[in-house]
Amino acid sequence: MRHLVLILALAAPAPALAQDEDGPSLMERGARLFFRGLMEEMDPAMDRLRAFAEDAGPAMDSFLREMGPALMELMQDVKDFSAYHPPEILPNGDIILRKKVPDEVEEKPEPGPNGEIEL
């Protein structure tokens, strides 16, 4: 959304910086055409995103209302998700998180005295 605001701000008419007496400079006209084309290209994607948000919004609200407290509890209990495999959905619908064995866990580098990390 911030990108769209930036594009709109850049595409909006601005005070003439390098304007000829006959109108906008070639650079300004080119920039306007560029941003107009960019906006036209983005329109279908923004429409799809808006439709998705309208369709998914009620389902997400319901999910967060029902599962939010359990997810918050999980976030407090699990400090490092990299120590777990991705969630698995079993045939009966249960979702499990398998903890990686010590050999599978990636070691995180320790920062040096000045906060630097050797790669």
Protein backbone atom coordinates (compact mmCIF):
# COMPACT_ATOMS: atom_id res chain seq x y z
CA MET A 1 0.00 0.00 0.00
CA ARG A 2 2.87 2.37 0.77
CA HIS A 3 4.25 1.71 -2.72
CA LEU A 4 0.94 2.72 -4.27
CA VAL A 5 0.94 5.99 -2.31
CA LEU A 6 4.50 6.69 -3.45
CA ILE A 7 3.61 6.01 -7.08
CA LEU A 8 0.55 8.23 -6.84
CA ALA A 9 2.59 11.01 -5.25
CA LEU A 10 5.23 10.80 -7.95
CA ALA A 11 2.66 10.70 -10.74
CA ALA A 12 0.68 13.67 -9.41
CA PRO A 13 1.30 17.05 -11.02
CA ALA A 14 4.22 18.70 -9.27
CA PRO A 15 5.53 22.24 -9.40
CA ALA A 16 7.50 22.75 -12.55
CA LEU A 17 11.16 22.22 -11.83
CA ALA A 18 12.54 22.24 -15.35
CA GLN A 19 9.52 23.35 -17.30
CA ASP A 20 9.74 24.92 -20.70
CA GLU A 21 7.57 27.88 -21.54
CA ASP A 22 5.56 25.55 -23.79
CA GLY A 23 4.65 23.14 -20.96
CA PRO A 24 6.20 20.20 -19.12
CA SER A 25 9.69 19.10 -20.03
CA LEU A 26 10.32 15.93 -21.96
CA MET A 27 11.54 14.25 -18.74
CA GLU A 28 8.37 15.22 -16.88
CA ARG A 29 6.12 13.98 -19.69
CA GLY A 30 8.11 10.73 -19.83
CA ALA A 31 7.83 10.24 -16.08
CA ARG A 32 4.07 10.85 -16.20
CA LEU A 33 3.66 8.34 -19.03
CA PHE A 34 5.80 5.82 -17.17
CA PHE A 35 3.79 6.12 -13.97
CA ARG A 36 0.47 6.11 -15.83
CA GLY A 37 1.52 2.85 -17.54
CA LEU A 38 2.67 1.42 -14.23
CA MET A 39 -0.67 2.29 -12.62
CA GLU A 40 -2.57 0.68 -15.51
CA GLU A 41 -0.47 -2.47 -15.11
CA MET A 42 -1.15 -2.55 -11.37
CA ASP A 43 -4.91 -2.05 -11.63
CA PRO A 44 -5.81 -5.73 -12.32
CA ALA A 45 -3.54 -6.94 -9.50
CA MET A 46 -5.01 -4.40 -7.09
CA ASP A 47 -8.54 -5.44 -8.11
CA ARG A 48 -7.68 -9.11 -7.47
CA LEU A 49 -6.13 -8.21 -4.11
CA ARG A 50 -9.22 -6.21 -3.14
CA ALA A 51 -11.52 -9.12 -4.15
CA PHE A 52 -9.36 -11.58 -2.21
CA ALA A 53 -9.46 -9.38 0.89
CA GLU A 54 -13.25 -9.10 0.64
CA ASP A 55 -13.60 -12.90 0.27
CA ALA A 56 -10.99 -13.88 2.88
CA GLY A 57 -11.76 -11.14 5.41
CA PRO A 58 -14.68 -12.84 7.21
CA ALA A 59 -12.88 -16.20 7.27
CA MET A 60 -9.72 -14.59 8.67
CA ASP A 61 -11.73 -12.75 11.33
CA SER A 62 -13.34 -16.00 12.41
CA PHE A 63 -10.01 -17.84 12.38
CA LEU A 64 -8.26 -15.18 14.46
CA ARG A 65 -11.15 -14.95 16.92
CA GLU A 66 -11.17 -18.73 17.47
CA MET A 67 -7.48 -19.57 17.12
CA GLY A 68 -5.87 -16.30 18.23
CA PRO A 69 -5.53 -17.18 21.91
CA ALA A 70 -4.09 -20.62 21.12
CA LEU A 71 -1.62 -19.12 18.64
CA MET A 72 -0.50 -16.52 21.19
CA GLU A 73 0.09 -19.30 23.72
CA LEU A 74 2.06 -21.25 21.11
CA MET A 75 4.17 -18.18 20.33
CA GLN A 76 5.03 -17.83 24.03
CA ASP A 77 5.94 -21.51 24.38
CA VAL A 78 7.98 -21.84 21.17
CA LYS A 79 10.89 -19.41 21.24
CA ASP A 80 12.68 -20.59 18.06
CA PHE A 81 10.58 -21.98 15.22
CA SER A 82 13.74 -22.92 13.28
CA ALA A 83 14.12 -25.80 15.76
CA TYR A 84 10.93 -27.36 14.33
CA HIS A 85 9.96 -28.95 11.03
CA PRO A 86 7.14 -27.29 9.05
CA PRO A 87 3.67 -28.17 10.38
CA GLU A 88 2.17 -31.43 9.13
CA ILE A 89 -1.54 -32.05 8.69
CA LEU A 90 -2.41 -35.65 9.49
CA PRO A 91 -5.21 -37.53 7.67
CA ASN A 92 -7.50 -37.04 10.68
CA GLY A 93 -6.99 -33.25 10.49
CA ASP A 94 -4.61 -32.91 13.43
CA ILE A 95 -1.73 -30.50 12.90
CA ILE A 96 1.60 -31.40 14.44
CA LEU A 97 4.92 -29.65 14.83
CA ARG A 98 7.84 -32.06 14.96
CA LYS A 99 10.93 -30.85 16.77
CA LYS A 100 14.16 -31.32 14.83
CA VAL A 101 16.77 -33.61 16.29
CA PRO A 102 19.97 -31.77 17.34
CA ASP A 103 21.76 -32.71 14.09
CA GLU A 104 19.01 -30.99 12.04
CA VAL A 105 19.01 -27.69 13.97
CA GLU A 106 21.07 -24.96 12.33
CA GLU A 107 23.57 -23.35 14.64
CA LYS A 108 23.19 -19.59 14.77
CA PRO A 109 26.49 -17.72 14.73
CA GLU A 110 27.37 -15.89 17.92
CA PRO A 111 27.91 -12.14 17.52
CA GLY A 112 31.37 -10.82 18.27
CA PRO A 113 32.17 -8.14 20.86
CA ASN A 114 31.08 -5.33 18.53
CA GLY A 115 27.93 -7.13 17.35
CA GLU A 116 29.49 -8.39 14.12
CA ILE A 117 28.69 -11.87 12.83
CA GLU A 118 31.25 -13.83 10.86
CA LEU A 119 29.71 -15.46 7.81
